[in-house]
Structures are given as structure tokens and as C-alpha cells.
Amino acid sequence: AVTRTVASNLKGAALGIRDGLQHDPKNDPVDVNKSSSEALRTL
């Protein structure tokens, strides 16, 4: 049971690392109250 939990957590961590390495700023949230005109125009 512990091994399954650790394996699941490791898989989640690995996916998070992959996502972090493949970060695409085009998918970042844009705040309609604070973002600049340039940031809004990326939408």
C-alpha cells in the first residue's frame, strides 16, 4: 500500500517536473484587472 502511494506521488511529481520544463507562458493566466495592454494582446 505504501509503495503504491509513493509510486503515485512520484508519478505526479514527474509529471509536474515535465510540465515545469515545458512551461509555455502563452498558457499563463491573465488578470483582467492588472495585466498590461501587451499581456492582454497575447490572448
PDB file of all heavy atoms in Angstrom:
ATOM      1  N   ALA A   1       0.832  -1.206   0.000  1.00  0.00           N
ATOM      2  CA  ALA A   1       0.000   0.000   0.000  1.00  0.00           C
ATOM      3  C   ALA A   1       0.868   1.259   0.000  1.00  0.00           C
ATOM      4  O   ALA A   1       0.614   2.210  -0.739  1.00  0.00           O
ATOM      5  CB  ALA A   1      -0.939  -0.004   1.203  1.00  0.00           C
ATOM      6  N   VAL A   2       1.904   1.261   0.830  1.00  0.00           N
ATOM      7  CA  VAL A   2       2.806   2.407   0.887  1.00  0.00           C
ATOM      8  C   VAL A   2       3.533   2.570  -0.448  1.00  0.00           C
ATOM      9  O   VAL A   2       3.691   3.683  -0.954  1.00  0.00           O
ATOM     10  CB  VAL A   2       3.809   2.259   2.056  1.00  0.00           C
ATOM     11  CG1 VAL A   2       4.904   3.299   1.984  1.00  0.00           C
ATOM     12  CG2 VAL A   2       3.079   2.342   3.385  1.00  0.00           C
ATOM     13  N   THR A   3       3.950   1.469  -1.034  1.00  0.00           N
ATOM     14  CA  THR A   3       4.647   1.522  -2.323  1.00  0.00           C
ATOM     15  C   THR A   3       3.741   2.115  -3.399  1.00  0.00           C
ATOM     16  O   THR A   3       4.187   2.934  -4.210  1.00  0.00           O
ATOM     17  CB  THR A   3       5.127   0.115  -2.735  1.00  0.00           C
ATOM     18  OG1 THR A   3       5.992  -0.375  -1.711  1.00  0.00           O
ATOM     19  CG2 THR A   3       5.859   0.142  -4.054  1.00  0.00           C
ATOM     20  N   ARG A   4       2.460   1.729  -3.403  1.00  0.00           N
ATOM     21  CA  ARG A   4       1.519   2.296  -4.382  1.00  0.00           C
ATOM     22  C   ARG A   4       1.385   3.798  -4.193  1.00  0.00           C
ATOM     23  O   ARG A   4       1.365   4.556  -5.159  1.00  0.00           O
ATOM     24  CB  ARG A   4       0.161   1.613  -4.273  1.00  0.00           C
ATOM     25  CG  ARG A   4       0.095   0.249  -4.925  1.00  0.00           C
ATOM     26  CD  ARG A   4      -1.344  -0.270  -5.013  1.00  0.00           C
ATOM     27  NE  ARG A   4      -1.946  -0.491  -3.704  1.00  0.00           N
ATOM     28  CZ  ARG A   4      -1.814  -1.606  -2.992  1.00  0.00           C
ATOM     29  NH1 ARG A   4      -1.096  -2.608  -3.465  1.00  0.00           N
ATOM     30  NH2 ARG A   4      -2.399  -1.730  -1.826  1.00  0.00           N
ATOM     31  N   THR A   5       1.301   4.232  -2.951  1.00  0.00           N
ATOM     32  CA  THR A   5       1.172   5.661  -2.674  1.00  0.00           C
ATOM     33  C   THR A   5       2.419   6.414  -3.123  1.00  0.00           C
ATOM     34  O   THR A   5       2.322   7.449  -3.778  1.00  0.00           O
ATOM     35  CB  THR A   5       0.930   5.894  -1.171  1.00  0.00           C
ATOM     36  OG1 THR A   5      -0.255   5.203  -0.783  1.00  0.00           O
ATOM     37  CG2 THR A   5       0.792   7.364  -0.846  1.00  0.00           C
ATOM     38  N   VAL A   6       3.575   5.885  -2.788  1.00  0.00           N
ATOM     39  CA  VAL A   6       4.830   6.533  -3.182  1.00  0.00           C
ATOM     40  C   VAL A   6       4.941   6.566  -4.707  1.00  0.00           C
ATOM     41  O   VAL A   6       5.310   7.586  -5.282  1.00  0.00           O
ATOM     42  CB  VAL A   6       6.042   5.820  -2.545  1.00  0.00           C
ATOM     43  CG1 VAL A   6       7.351   6.312  -3.140  1.00  0.00           C
ATOM     44  CG2 VAL A   6       6.039   6.018  -1.038  1.00  0.00           C
ATOM     45  N   ALA A   7       4.595   5.468  -5.361  1.00  0.00           N
ATOM     46  CA  ALA A   7       4.675   5.416  -6.823  1.00  0.00           C
ATOM     47  C   ALA A   7       3.741   6.451  -7.447  1.00  0.00           C
ATOM     48  O   ALA A   7       4.112   7.138  -8.406  1.00  0.00           O
ATOM     49  CB  ALA A   7       4.327   4.018  -7.323  1.00  0.00           C
ATOM     50  N   SER A   8       2.548   6.597  -6.903  1.00  0.00           N
ATOM     51  CA  SER A   8       1.591   7.579  -7.406  1.00  0.00           C
ATOM     52  C   SER A   8       2.132   8.992  -7.214  1.00  0.00           C
ATOM     53  O   SER A   8       2.050   9.834  -8.114  1.00  0.00           O
ATOM     54  CB  SER A   8       0.254   7.421  -6.689  1.00  0.00           C
ATOM     55  OG  SER A   8      -0.634   8.426  -7.078  1.00  0.00           O
ATOM     56  N   ASN A   9       2.688   9.266  -6.038  1.00  0.00           N
ATOM     57  CA  ASN A   9       3.255  10.585  -5.776  1.00  0.00           C
ATOM     58  C   ASN A   9       4.444  10.868  -6.679  1.00  0.00           C
ATOM     59  O   ASN A   9       4.617  11.986  -7.158  1.00  0.00           O
ATOM     60  CB  ASN A   9       3.664  10.709  -4.310  1.00  0.00           C
ATOM     61  CG  ASN A   9       2.468  10.757  -3.383  1.00  0.00           C
ATOM     62  OD1 ASN A   9       1.343  11.007  -3.806  1.00  0.00           O
ATOM     63  ND2 ASN A   9       2.701  10.500  -2.114  1.00  0.00           N
ATOM     64  N   LEU A  10       5.270   9.846  -6.918  1.00  0.00           N
ATOM     65  CA  LEU A  10       6.415  10.037  -7.803  1.00  0.00           C
ATOM     66  C   LEU A  10       5.962  10.318  -9.229  1.00  0.00           C
ATOM     67  O   LEU A  10       6.538  11.147  -9.920  1.00  0.00           O
ATOM     68  CB  LEU A  10       7.328   8.811  -7.766  1.00  0.00           C
ATOM     69  CG  LEU A  10       8.190   8.668  -6.518  1.00  0.00           C
ATOM     70  CD1 LEU A  10       8.943   7.343  -6.540  1.00  0.00           C
ATOM     71  CD2 LEU A  10       9.153   9.823  -6.388  1.00  0.00           C
ATOM     72  N   LYS A  11       4.903   9.624  -9.654  1.00  0.00           N
ATOM     73  CA  LYS A  11       4.394   9.863 -10.998  1.00  0.00           C
ATOM     74  C   LYS A  11       3.875  11.298 -11.107  1.00  0.00           C
ATOM     75  O   LYS A  11       4.154  11.990 -12.076  1.00  0.00           O
ATOM     76  CB  LYS A  11       3.268   8.880 -11.327  1.00  0.00           C
ATOM     77  CG  LYS A  11       2.732   9.040 -12.724  1.00  0.00           C
ATOM     78  CD  LYS A  11       1.677   8.005 -13.044  1.00  0.00           C
ATOM     79  CE  LYS A  11       1.168   8.197 -14.458  1.00  0.00           C
ATOM     80  NZ  LYS A  11       0.114   7.235 -14.781  1.00  0.00           N
ATOM     81  N   GLY A  12       3.141  11.753 -10.089  1.00  0.00           N
ATOM     82  CA  GLY A  12       2.654  13.134 -10.081  1.00  0.00           C
ATOM     83  C   GLY A  12       3.793  14.138 -10.091  1.00  0.00           C
ATOM     84  O   GLY A  12       3.749  15.144 -10.795  1.00  0.00           O
ATOM     85  N   ALA A  13       4.830  13.861  -9.310  1.00  0.00           N
ATOM     86  CA  ALA A  13       5.986  14.752  -9.270  1.00  0.00           C
ATOM     87  C   ALA A  13       6.682  14.785 -10.629  1.00  0.00           C
ATOM     88  O   ALA A  13       7.085  15.850 -11.108  1.00  0.00           O
ATOM     89  CB  ALA A  13       6.955  14.309  -8.183  1.00  0.00           C
ATOM     90  N   ALA A  14       6.816  13.624 -11.247  1.00  0.00           N
ATOM     91  CA  ALA A  14       7.470  13.565 -12.561  1.00  0.00           C
ATOM     92  C   ALA A  14       6.668  14.355 -13.600  1.00  0.00           C
ATOM     93  O   ALA A  14       7.245  15.081 -14.415  1.00  0.00           O
ATOM     94  CB  ALA A  14       7.625  12.110 -13.003  1.00  0.00           C
ATOM     95  N   LEU A  15       5.344  14.230 -13.556  1.00  0.00           N
ATOM     96  CA  LEU A  15       4.516  14.994 -14.492  1.00  0.00           C
ATOM     97  C   LEU A  15       4.642  16.494 -14.233  1.00  0.00           C
ATOM     98  O   LEU A  15       4.677  17.296 -15.172  1.00  0.00           O
ATOM     99  CB  LEU A  15       3.051  14.555 -14.389  1.00  0.00           C
ATOM    100  CG  LEU A  15       2.760  13.141 -14.886  1.00  0.00           C
ATOM    101  CD1 LEU A  15       1.325  12.747 -14.556  1.00  0.00           C
ATOM    102  CD2 LEU A  15       3.013  13.033 -16.376  1.00  0.00           C
ATOM    103  N   GLY A  16       4.715  16.871 -12.955  1.00  0.00           N
ATOM    104  CA  GLY A  16       4.902  18.278 -12.619  1.00  0.00           C
ATOM    105  C   GLY A  16       6.239  18.815 -13.103  1.00  0.00           C
ATOM    106  O   GLY A  16       6.324  19.938 -13.603  1.00  0.00           O
ATOM    107  N   ILE A  17       7.280  18.011 -12.973  1.00  0.00           N
ATOM    108  CA  ILE A  17       8.603  18.412 -13.472  1.00  0.00           C
ATOM    109  C   ILE A  17       8.554  18.589 -14.978  1.00  0.00           C
ATOM    110  O   ILE A  17       9.045  19.583 -15.521  1.00  0.00           O
ATOM    111  CB  ILE A  17       9.679  17.384 -13.057  1.00  0.00           C
ATOM    112  CG1 ILE A  17       9.903  17.454 -11.538  1.00  0.00           C
ATOM    113  CG2 ILE A  17      10.985  17.616 -13.813  1.00  0.00           C
ATOM    114  CD1 ILE A  17      10.717  16.311 -10.987  1.00  0.00           C
ATOM    115  N   ARG A  18       7.925  17.632 -15.654  1.00  0.00           N
ATOM    116  CA  ARG A  18       7.812  17.736 -17.114  1.00  0.00           C
ATOM    117  C   ARG A  18       7.061  19.009 -17.508  1.00  0.00           C
ATOM    118  O   ARG A  18       7.480  19.756 -18.385  1.00  0.00           O
ATOM    119  CB  ARG A  18       7.081  16.524 -17.682  1.00  0.00           C
ATOM    120  CG  ARG A  18       7.032  16.555 -19.223  1.00  0.00           C
ATOM    121  CD  ARG A  18       5.987  15.657 -19.803  1.00  0.00           C
ATOM    122  NE  ARG A  18       4.677  16.166 -19.414  1.00  0.00           N
ATOM    123  CZ  ARG A  18       3.575  15.465 -19.414  1.00  0.00           C
ATOM    124  NH1 ARG A  18       3.603  14.209 -19.772  1.00  0.00           N
ATOM    125  NH2 ARG A  18       2.439  15.998 -19.051  1.00  0.00           N
ATOM    126  N   ASP A  19       5.939  19.277 -16.825  1.00  0.00           N
ATOM    127  CA  ASP A  19       5.164  20.471 -17.140  1.00  0.00           C
ATOM    128  C   ASP A  19       5.981  21.739 -16.883  1.00  0.00           C
ATOM    129  O   ASP A  19       5.894  22.700 -17.648  1.00  0.00           O
ATOM    130  CB  ASP A  19       3.876  20.512 -16.316  1.00  0.00           C
ATOM    131  CG  ASP A  19       2.889  19.427 -16.706  1.00  0.00           C
ATOM    132  OD1 ASP A  19       3.090  18.773 -17.763  1.00  0.00           O
ATOM    133  OD2 ASP A  19       1.919  19.218 -15.948  1.00  0.00           O
ATOM    134  N   GLY A  20       6.746  21.720 -15.799  1.00  0.00           N
ATOM    135  CA  GLY A  20       7.579  22.881 -15.493  1.00  0.00           C
ATOM    136  C   GLY A  20       8.647  23.118 -16.540  1.00  0.00           C
ATOM    137  O   GLY A  20       8.935  24.254 -16.910  1.00  0.00           O
ATOM    138  N   LEU A  21       9.228  22.046 -17.032  1.00  0.00           N
ATOM    139  CA  LEU A  21      10.256  22.177 -18.057  1.00  0.00           C
ATOM    140  C   LEU A  21       9.673  22.597 -19.395  1.00  0.00           C
ATOM    141  O   LEU A  21      10.340  23.233 -20.199  1.00  0.00           O
ATOM    142  CB  LEU A  21      11.029  20.861 -18.204  1.00  0.00           C
ATOM    143  CG  LEU A  21      11.899  20.482 -16.999  1.00  0.00           C
ATOM    144  CD1 LEU A  21      12.473  19.078 -17.194  1.00  0.00           C
ATOM    145  CD2 LEU A  21      13.004  21.492 -16.776  1.00  0.00           C
ATOM    146  N   GLN A  22       8.423  22.234 -19.622  1.00  0.00           N
ATOM    147  CA  GLN A  22       7.761  22.576 -20.884  1.00  0.00           C
ATOM    148  C   GLN A  22       6.860  23.799 -20.727  1.00  0.00           C
ATOM    149  O   GLN A  22       5.945  24.001 -21.490  1.00  0.00           O
ATOM    150  CB  GLN A  22       6.928  21.389 -21.378  1.00  0.00           C
ATOM    151  CG  GLN A  22       7.727  20.176 -21.722  1.00  0.00           C
ATOM    152  CD  GLN A  22       6.849  18.994 -22.099  1.00  0.00           C
ATOM    153  OE1 GLN A  22       5.648  18.991 -21.893  1.00  0.00           O
ATOM    154  NE2 GLN A  22       7.462  17.971 -22.651  1.00  0.00           N
ATOM    155  N   HIS A  23       7.115  24.626 -19.718  1.00  0.00           N
ATOM    156  CA  HIS A  23       6.272  25.788 -19.431  1.00  0.00           C
ATOM    157  C   HIS A  23       6.117  26.664 -20.662  1.00  0.00           C
ATOM    158  O   HIS A  23       7.085  27.016 -21.330  1.00  0.00           O
ATOM    159  CB  HIS A  23       6.870  26.606 -18.281  1.00  0.00           C
ATOM    160  CG  HIS A  23       6.137  27.868 -18.031  1.00  0.00           C
ATOM    161  ND1 HIS A  23       4.917  27.885 -17.407  1.00  0.00           N
ATOM    162  CD2 HIS A  23       6.430  29.144 -18.332  1.00  0.00           C
ATOM    163  CE1 HIS A  23       4.494  29.120 -17.326  1.00  0.00           C
ATOM    164  NE2 HIS A  23       5.396  29.911 -17.880  1.00  0.00           N
ATOM    165  N   ASP A  24       4.877  26.995 -20.950  1.00  0.00           N
ATOM    166  CA  ASP A  24       4.569  27.864 -22.073  1.00  0.00           C
ATOM    167  C   ASP A  24       3.856  29.096 -21.533  1.00  0.00           C
ATOM    168  O   ASP A  24       2.715  29.008 -21.089  1.00  0.00           O
ATOM    169  CB  ASP A  24       3.678  27.129 -23.075  1.00  0.00           C
ATOM    170  CG  ASP A  24       3.400  27.941 -24.318  1.00  0.00           C
ATOM    171  OD1 ASP A  24       3.872  29.084 -24.426  1.00  0.00           O
ATOM    172  OD2 ASP A  24       2.673  27.427 -25.193  1.00  0.00           O
ATOM    173  N   PRO A  25       4.514  30.260 -21.547  1.00  0.00           N
ATOM    174  CA  PRO A  25       3.887  31.460 -20.997  1.00  0.00           C
ATOM    175  C   PRO A  25       2.579  31.825 -21.699  1.00  0.00           C
ATOM    176  O   PRO A  25       1.783  32.558 -21.162  1.00  0.00           O
ATOM    177  CB  PRO A  25       4.939  32.546 -21.176  1.00  0.00           C
ATOM    178  CG  PRO A  25       6.086  31.953 -21.874  1.00  0.00           C
ATOM    179  CD  PRO A  25       5.851  30.491 -22.047  1.00  0.00           C
ATOM    180  N   LYS A  26       2.368  31.282 -22.880  1.00  0.00           N
ATOM    181  CA  LYS A  26       1.117  31.559 -23.592  1.00  0.00           C
ATOM    182  C   LYS A  26      -0.080  30.952 -22.878  1.00  0.00           C
ATOM    183  O   LYS A  26      -1.216  31.282 -23.190  1.00  0.00           O
ATOM    184  CB  LYS A  26       1.186  31.012 -25.018  1.00  0.00           C
ATOM    185  CG  LYS A  26       2.171  31.716 -25.896  1.00  0.00           C
ATOM    186  CD  LYS A  26       2.201  31.094 -27.268  1.00  0.00           C
ATOM    187  CE  LYS A  26       3.340  31.642 -28.084  1.00  0.00           C
ATOM    188  NZ  LYS A  26       3.487  30.922 -29.350  1.00  0.00           N
ATOM    189  N   ASN A  27       0.161  30.046 -21.923  1.00  0.00           N
ATOM    190  CA  ASN A  27      -0.929  29.425 -21.174  1.00  0.00           C
ATOM    191  C   ASN A  27      -1.099  30.006 -19.775  1.00  0.00           C
ATOM    192  O   ASN A  27      -1.945  29.549 -19.017  1.00  0.00           O
ATOM    193  CB  ASN A  27      -0.704  27.914 -21.078  1.00  0.00           C
ATOM    194  CG  ASN A  27      -0.777  27.255 -22.434  1.00  0.00           C
ATOM    195  OD1 ASN A  27      -1.553  27.650 -23.287  1.00  0.00           O
ATOM    196  ND2 ASN A  27       0.049  26.255 -22.644  1.00  0.00           N
ATOM    197  N   ASP A  28      -0.269  30.994 -19.420  1.00  0.00           N
ATOM    198  CA  ASP A  28      -0.381  31.604 -18.092  1.00  0.00           C
ATOM    199  C   ASP A  28      -1.689  32.379 -17.976  1.00  0.00           C
ATOM    200  O   ASP A  28      -2.181  32.952 -18.957  1.00  0.00           O
ATOM    201  CB  ASP A  28       0.778  32.570 -17.847  1.00  0.00           C
ATOM    202  CG  ASP A  28       2.082  31.859 -17.578  1.00  0.00           C
ATOM    203  OD1 ASP A  28       2.065  30.633 -17.342  1.00  0.00           O
ATOM    204  OD2 ASP A  28       3.125  32.531 -17.613  1.00  0.00           O
ATOM    205  N   PRO A  29      -2.252  32.445 -16.764  1.00  0.00           N
ATOM    206  CA  PRO A  29      -3.464  33.235 -16.580  1.00  0.00           C
ATOM    207  C   PRO A  29      -3.181  34.726 -16.776  1.00  0.00           C
ATOM    208  O   PRO A  29      -2.085  35.208 -16.498  1.00  0.00           O
ATOM    209  CB  PRO A  29      -3.883  32.955 -15.144  1.00  0.00           C
ATOM    210  CG  PRO A  29      -2.823  32.157 -14.522  1.00  0.00           C
ATOM    211  CD  PRO A  29      -1.835  31.760 -15.558  1.00  0.00           C
ATOM    212  N   VAL A  30      -4.187  35.425 -17.253  1.00  0.00           N
ATOM    213  CA  VAL A  30      -4.086  36.864 -17.476  1.00  0.00           C
ATOM    214  C   VAL A  30      -5.122  37.527 -16.581  1.00  0.00           C
ATOM    215  O   VAL A  30      -6.305  37.210 -16.647  1.00  0.00           O
ATOM    216  CB  VAL A  30      -4.329  37.208 -18.964  1.00  0.00           C
ATOM    217  CG1 VAL A  30      -4.345  38.711 -19.180  1.00  0.00           C
ATOM    218  CG2 VAL A  30      -3.274  36.548 -19.844  1.00  0.00           C
ATOM    219  N   ASP A  31      -4.660  38.446 -15.733  1.00  0.00           N
ATOM    220  CA  ASP A  31      -5.556  39.150 -14.809  1.00  0.00           C
ATOM    221  C   ASP A  31      -6.142  40.361 -15.522  1.00  0.00           C
ATOM    222  O   ASP A  31      -5.411  41.283 -15.912  1.00  0.00           O
ATOM    223  CB  ASP A  31      -4.779  39.578 -13.566  1.00  0.00           C
ATOM    224  CG  ASP A  31      -5.678  40.090 -12.473  1.00  0.00           C
ATOM    225  OD1 ASP A  31      -6.749  40.668 -12.776  1.00  0.00           O
ATOM    226  OD2 ASP A  31      -5.320  39.921 -11.297  1.00  0.00           O
ATOM    227  N   VAL A  32      -7.466  40.380 -15.673  1.00  0.00           N
ATOM    228  CA  VAL A  32      -8.118  41.483 -16.391  1.00  0.00           C
ATOM    229  C   VAL A  32      -8.021  42.799 -15.621  1.00  0.00           C
ATOM    230  O   VAL A  32      -8.227  43.861 -16.208  1.00  0.00           O
ATOM    231  CB  VAL A  32      -9.595  41.150 -16.716  1.00  0.00           C
ATOM    232  CG1 VAL A  32      -9.684  40.002 -17.709  1.00  0.00           C
ATOM    233  CG2 VAL A  32     -10.389  40.849 -15.464  1.00  0.00           C
ATOM    234  N   ASN A  33      -7.710  42.749 -14.339  1.00  0.00           N
ATOM    235  CA  ASN A  33      -7.601  43.971 -13.534  1.00  0.00           C
ATOM    236  C   ASN A  33      -6.181  44.519 -13.434  1.00  0.00           C
ATOM    237  O   ASN A  33      -6.004  45.659 -13.043  1.00  0.00           O
ATOM    238  CB  ASN A  33      -8.140  43.722 -12.123  1.00  0.00           C
ATOM    239  CG  ASN A  33      -9.640  43.613 -12.115  1.00  0.00           C
ATOM    240  OD1 ASN A  33     -10.333  44.371 -12.775  1.00  0.00           O
ATOM    241  ND2 ASN A  33     -10.152  42.658 -11.368  1.00  0.00           N
ATOM    242  N   LYS A  34      -5.180  43.713 -13.747  1.00  0.00           N
ATOM    243  CA  LYS A  34      -3.796  44.151 -13.523  1.00  0.00           C
ATOM    244  C   LYS A  34      -2.889  44.055 -14.742  1.00  0.00           C
ATOM    245  O   LYS A  34      -1.838  44.684 -14.772  1.00  0.00           O
ATOM    246  CB  LYS A  34      -3.176  43.314 -12.404  1.00  0.00           C
ATOM    247  CG  LYS A  34      -3.870  43.476 -11.070  1.00  0.00           C
ATOM    248  CD  LYS A  34      -3.276  42.559 -10.032  1.00  0.00           C
ATOM    249  CE  LYS A  34      -4.029  42.645  -8.724  1.00  0.00           C
ATOM    250  NZ  LYS A  34      -3.567  41.649  -7.761  1.00  0.00           N
ATOM    251  N   SER A  35      -3.260  43.260 -15.729  1.00  0.00           N
ATOM    252  CA  SER A  35      -2.352  42.998 -16.854  1.00  0.00           C
ATOM    253  C   SER A  35      -2.194  44.211 -17.757  1.00  0.00           C
ATOM    254  O   SER A  35      -3.114  45.014 -17.936  1.00  0.00           O
ATOM    255  CB  SER A  35      -2.869  41.816 -17.677  1.00  0.00           C
ATOM    256  OG  SER A  35      -2.834  40.649 -16.904  1.00  0.00           O
ATOM    257  N   SER A  36      -1.017  44.283 -18.343  1.00  0.00           N
ATOM    258  CA  SER A  36      -0.720  45.365 -19.285  1.00  0.00           C
ATOM    259  C   SER A  36      -1.432  45.108 -20.608  1.00  0.00           C
ATOM    260  O   SER A  36      -1.922  44.014 -20.874  1.00  0.00           O
ATOM    261  CB  SER A  36       0.789  45.431 -19.531  1.00  0.00           C
ATOM    262  OG  SER A  36       1.202  44.243 -20.216  1.00  0.00           O
ATOM    263  N   SER A  37      -1.433  46.138 -21.437  1.00  0.00           N
ATOM    264  CA  SER A  37      -2.019  46.011 -22.770  1.00  0.00           C
ATOM    265  C   SER A  37      -1.312  44.912 -23.556  1.00  0.00           C
ATOM    266  O   SER A  37      -1.950  44.115 -24.246  1.00  0.00           O
ATOM    267  CB  SER A  37      -1.913  47.343 -23.507  1.00  0.00           C
ATOM    268  OG  SER A  37      -2.397  47.217 -24.813  1.00  0.00           O
ATOM    269  N   GLU A  38       0.012  44.829 -23.418  1.00  0.00           N
ATOM    270  CA  GLU A  38       0.785  43.808 -24.134  1.00  0.00           C
ATOM    271  C   GLU A  38       0.375  42.405 -23.695  1.00  0.00           C
ATOM    272  O   GLU A  38       0.219  41.512 -24.527  1.00  0.00           O
ATOM    273  CB  GLU A  38       2.286  44.012 -23.912  1.00  0.00           C
ATOM    274  CG  GLU A  38       2.865  45.270 -24.528  1.00  0.00           C
ATOM    275  CD  GLU A  38       2.580  46.540 -23.715  1.00  0.00           C
ATOM    276  OE1 GLU A  38       2.349  46.443 -22.484  1.00  0.00           O
ATOM    277  OE2 GLU A  38       2.568  47.621 -24.316  1.00  0.00           O
ATOM    278  N   ALA A  39       0.200  42.233 -22.398  1.00  0.00           N
ATOM    279  CA  ALA A  39      -0.199  40.919 -21.894  1.00  0.00           C
ATOM    280  C   ALA A  39      -1.605  40.559 -22.374  1.00  0.00           C
ATOM    281  O   ALA A  39      -1.869  39.410 -22.756  1.00  0.00           O
ATOM    282  CB  ALA A  39      -0.144  40.891 -20.367  1.00  0.00           C
ATOM    283  N   LEU A  40      -2.500  41.515 -22.367  1.00  0.00           N
ATOM    284  CA  LEU A  40      -3.869  41.257 -22.833  1.00  0.00           C
ATOM    285  C   LEU A  40      -3.879  40.907 -24.317  1.00  0.00           C
ATOM    286  O   LEU A  40      -4.648  40.056 -24.764  1.00  0.00           O
ATOM    287  CB  LEU A  40      -4.756  42.473 -22.562  1.00  0.00           C
ATOM    288  CG  LEU A  40      -5.049  42.753 -21.089  1.00  0.00           C
ATOM    289  CD1 LEU A  40      -5.648  44.141 -20.916  1.00  0.00           C
ATOM    290  CD2 LEU A  40      -5.973  41.686 -20.517  1.00  0.00           C
ATOM    291  N   ARG A  41      -3.000  41.540 -25.087  1.00  0.00           N
ATOM    292  CA  ARG A  41      -2.964  41.267 -26.534  1.00  0.00           C
ATOM    293  C   ARG A  41      -2.363  39.911 -26.870  1.00  0.00           C
ATOM    294  O   ARG A  41      -2.451  39.461 -28.008  1.00  0.00           O
ATOM    295  CB  ARG A  41      -2.214  42.384 -27.260  1.00  0.00           C
ATOM    296  CG  ARG A  41      -3.099  43.623 -27.399  1.00  0.00           C
ATOM    297  CD  ARG A  41      -2.463  44.707 -28.216  1.00  0.00           C
ATOM    298  NE  ARG A  41      -1.464  45.376 -27.376  1.00  0.00           N
ATOM    299  CZ  ARG A  41      -0.279  45.782 -27.808  1.00  0.00           C
ATOM    300  NH1 ARG A  41       0.080  45.613 -29.045  1.00  0.00           N
ATOM    301  NH2 ARG A  41       0.557  46.379 -26.981  1.00  0.00           N
ATOM    302  N   THR A  42      -1.774  39.211 -25.885  1.00  0.00           N
ATOM    303  CA  THR A  42      -1.299  37.849 -26.153  1.00  0.00           C
ATOM    304  C   THR A  42      -2.464  36.867 -26.216  1.00  0.00           C
ATOM    305  O   THR A  42      -2.289  35.737 -26.667  1.00  0.00           O
ATOM    306  CB  THR A  42      -0.311  37.364 -25.067  1.00  0.00           C
ATOM    307  OG1 THR A  42      -0.983  37.264 -23.816  1.00  0.00           O
ATOM    308  CG2 THR A  42       0.897  38.276 -24.969  1.00  0.00           C
ATOM    309  N   LEU A  43      -3.635  37.303 -25.754  1.00  0.00           N
ATOM    310  CA  LEU A  43      -4.819  36.438 -25.794  1.00  0.00           C
ATOM    311  C   LEU A  43      -5.364  36.375 -27.216  1.00  0.00           C
ATOM    312  O   LEU A  43      -5.434  37.405 -27.909  1.00  0.00           O
ATOM    313  CB  LEU A  43      -5.898  36.980 -24.852  1.00  0.00           C
ATOM    314  CG  LEU A  43      -5.517  37.019 -23.373  1.00  0.00           C
ATOM    315  CD1 LEU A  43      -6.514  37.861 -22.587  1.00  0.00           C
ATOM    316  CD2 LEU A  43      -5.447  35.612 -22.817  1.00  0.00           C
TER     317      LEU A  43
END
